[in-house]
N, C-alpha and C. Protein backbone atom coordinates (compact mmCIF):
# COMPACT_ATOMS: atom_id res chain seq x y z
N MET A 1 170.67 16.18 169.32
CA MET A 1 169.62 15.72 170.26
C MET A 1 169.22 17.24 171.14
N ALA A 2 167.57 17.45 171.04
CA ALA A 2 167.03 18.03 171.30
C ALA A 2 167.39 18.73 173.49
N LYS A 3 167.28 19.29 173.54
CA LYS A 3 167.00 19.92 175.15
C LYS A 3 165.52 19.85 175.58
N ALA A 4 165.58 18.89 176.50
CA ALA A 4 164.14 18.88 177.58
C ALA A 4 163.97 20.09 178.52
N ALA A 5 162.44 19.85 178.37
CA ALA A 5 161.91 21.66 178.66
C ALA A 5 161.92 21.07 179.91
N SER A 6 162.05 22.21 180.71
CA SER A 6 162.28 21.94 182.68
C SER A 6 160.68 21.72 182.88
N LYS A 7 160.70 21.11 184.22
CA LYS A 7 159.75 21.05 184.86
C LYS A 7 159.01 22.19 185.61
N ASN A 8 159.77 23.17 185.59
CA ASN A 8 159.13 24.52 185.69
C ASN A 8 158.44 25.08 184.51
N ALA A 9 159.07 24.90 183.53
CA ALA A 9 158.44 25.50 181.93
C ALA A 9 156.91 24.92 182.35
N LYS A 10 156.88 23.65 182.38
CA LYS A 10 155.72 23.14 182.07
C LYS A 10 154.65 23.43 182.81
N ILE A 11 155.06 23.82 184.16
CA ILE A 11 153.99 23.52 185.46
C ILE A 11 153.86 25.67 185.14
N LYS A 12 154.35 26.43 184.44
CA LYS A 12 153.97 27.70 184.01
C LYS A 12 153.28 27.74 182.99
N ASP A 13 153.63 26.78 181.95
CA ASP A 13 152.27 26.84 180.59
C ASP A 13 150.95 26.71 181.12
N LEU A 14 151.15 25.37 182.32
CA LEU A 14 149.83 24.99 182.69
C LEU A 14 148.64 26.12 183.63
N LYS A 15 149.53 26.72 184.41
CA LYS A 15 149.07 27.90 184.82
C LYS A 15 148.35 28.52 184.20
N ALA A 16 149.37 29.14 182.79
CA ALA A 16 148.74 29.97 181.88
C ALA A 16 147.61 29.16 181.33
N ALA A 17 147.52 28.18 180.99
CA ALA A 17 146.43 27.32 179.93
C ALA A 17 144.97 27.61 181.00
N ALA A 18 145.43 27.45 182.23
CA ALA A 18 143.98 26.97 183.30
C ALA A 18 143.34 28.39 183.34
N ASP A 19 144.22 29.95 182.89
CA ASP A 19 144.14 30.86 183.46
C ASP A 19 143.53 32.16 181.92
N ALA A 20 143.94 30.75 181.34
CA ALA A 20 143.33 31.67 179.87
C ALA A 20 141.62 30.99 179.42
N LYS A 21 141.49 30.35 180.07
CA LYS A 21 140.13 29.29 180.11
C LYS A 21 138.95 30.67 181.25
N ASN A 22 139.27 31.73 181.83
CA ASN A 22 138.69 32.24 182.10
C ASN A 22 138.31 33.98 181.13
N TRP A 23 138.95 33.56 180.34
CA TRP A 23 138.30 34.95 179.50
C TRP A 23 137.54 34.52 178.33
N THR A 24 136.69 35.42 177.47
CA THR A 24 136.39 35.21 176.76
C THR A 24 136.16 36.10 175.72
N LYS A 25 135.74 35.47 174.54
CA LYS A 25 135.45 36.63 173.76
C LYS A 25 133.95 37.45 173.10
N VAL A 26 133.33 38.59 173.69
CA VAL A 26 132.56 39.04 173.50
C VAL A 26 132.51 40.33 171.86
N ILE A 27 131.82 39.80 171.52
CA ILE A 27 131.54 40.34 170.23
C ILE A 27 130.09 41.32 170.15
N ARG A 28 130.03 42.18 170.18
CA ARG A 28 128.62 42.88 169.92
C ARG A 28 128.09 44.10 168.57
N THR A 29 126.84 43.83 168.30
CA THR A 29 126.62 45.27 167.14
C THR A 29 126.57 46.15 167.53
N VAL A 30 126.96 47.05 167.14
CA VAL A 30 126.72 48.80 167.24
C VAL A 30 126.62 49.37 165.76
N ARG A 31 125.03 50.20 166.51
CA ARG A 31 124.94 50.81 165.23
C ARG A 31 125.55 52.04 165.41
N SER A 32 126.27 52.77 163.87
CA SER A 32 126.18 53.57 163.64
C SER A 32 124.96 55.27 163.39
N PRO A 33 125.73 55.95 164.15
CA PRO A 33 124.20 57.18 164.13
C PRO A 33 124.08 57.74 163.06
N LYS A 34 125.21 57.61 161.92
CA LYS A 34 125.59 58.43 160.77
C LYS A 34 124.87 57.90 159.54
N THR A 35 124.79 56.26 159.80
CA THR A 35 124.79 56.05 158.56
C THR A 35 122.99 54.45 158.55
N GLY A 36 123.24 54.21 159.92
CA GLY A 36 122.62 53.10 160.62
C GLY A 36 122.90 52.21 160.36
N SER A 37 124.06 52.05 159.91
CA SER A 37 124.98 50.47 159.65
C SER A 37 125.12 49.87 160.61
N TYR A 38 125.51 48.29 160.64
CA TYR A 38 125.79 48.48 161.67
C TYR A 38 127.38 47.58 161.80
N THR A 39 128.18 47.80 162.83
CA THR A 39 129.75 47.23 163.01
C THR A 39 129.92 46.70 163.63
N PHE A 40 130.74 45.67 164.06
CA PHE A 40 131.04 44.51 165.16
C PHE A 40 132.19 45.10 165.77
N LYS A 41 131.80 44.99 166.88
CA LYS A 41 133.06 45.14 168.31
C LYS A 41 133.63 44.30 169.20
N GLU A 42 134.75 44.10 169.27
CA GLU A 42 135.01 42.67 169.77
C GLU A 42 135.84 43.29 170.87
N SER A 43 135.93 42.18 171.74
CA SER A 43 136.42 42.33 173.28
C SER A 43 136.92 40.94 173.91
N ILE A 44 138.03 41.14 174.58
CA ILE A 44 138.04 39.90 175.77
C ILE A 44 137.72 40.18 176.80
N VAL A 45 137.07 39.92 177.49
CA VAL A 45 136.14 40.09 178.99
C VAL A 45 136.00 38.77 180.07
N HIS A 46 136.83 38.84 180.99
CA HIS A 46 136.46 37.57 181.93
C HIS A 46 135.16 37.42 182.23
N LYS A 47 135.05 36.33 182.10
CA LYS A 47 133.76 35.50 182.60
C LYS A 47 133.52 36.43 183.20
N ASP A 48 133.57 37.01 184.24
CA ASP A 48 132.72 37.04 185.28
C ASP A 48 132.12 38.05 185.46
N LYS A 49 132.81 39.19 184.19
CA LYS A 49 132.54 40.53 183.98
C LYS A 49 131.66 40.83 182.23
N ILE A 50 131.25 39.44 181.92
CA ILE A 50 130.39 39.37 180.89
C ILE A 50 129.36 40.37 180.75
N LYS A 51 128.48 40.25 181.40
CA LYS A 51 127.21 41.19 181.53
C LYS A 51 127.31 42.34 182.05
N GLU A 52 127.51 42.41 182.98
CA GLU A 52 128.21 43.90 182.87
C GLU A 52 128.72 44.42 181.43
N HIS A 53 129.89 44.06 181.15
CA HIS A 53 130.07 44.42 180.11
C HIS A 53 129.19 44.55 178.67
N ILE A 54 128.23 43.70 178.47
CA ILE A 54 127.04 43.61 177.76
C ILE A 54 126.17 44.80 177.63
N GLY A 55 125.55 44.85 179.14
CA GLY A 55 124.98 45.64 179.60
C GLY A 55 125.61 47.04 179.35
N GLN A 56 126.35 47.42 178.65
CA GLN A 56 126.98 48.97 178.76
C GLN A 56 126.53 49.89 177.36
């Protein structure tokens, strides 16, 4: 018989899932100065700082 998950573990998982919803993956195109080709830069940013990150 399998062990039952403790109540504290379930609450911890719910908090982590709620916090994870505040983060967003941002993908930017960056042009290479040497070749002129485009590359993609991916980063994980908090949802409150997306506009600051894109403006860089």
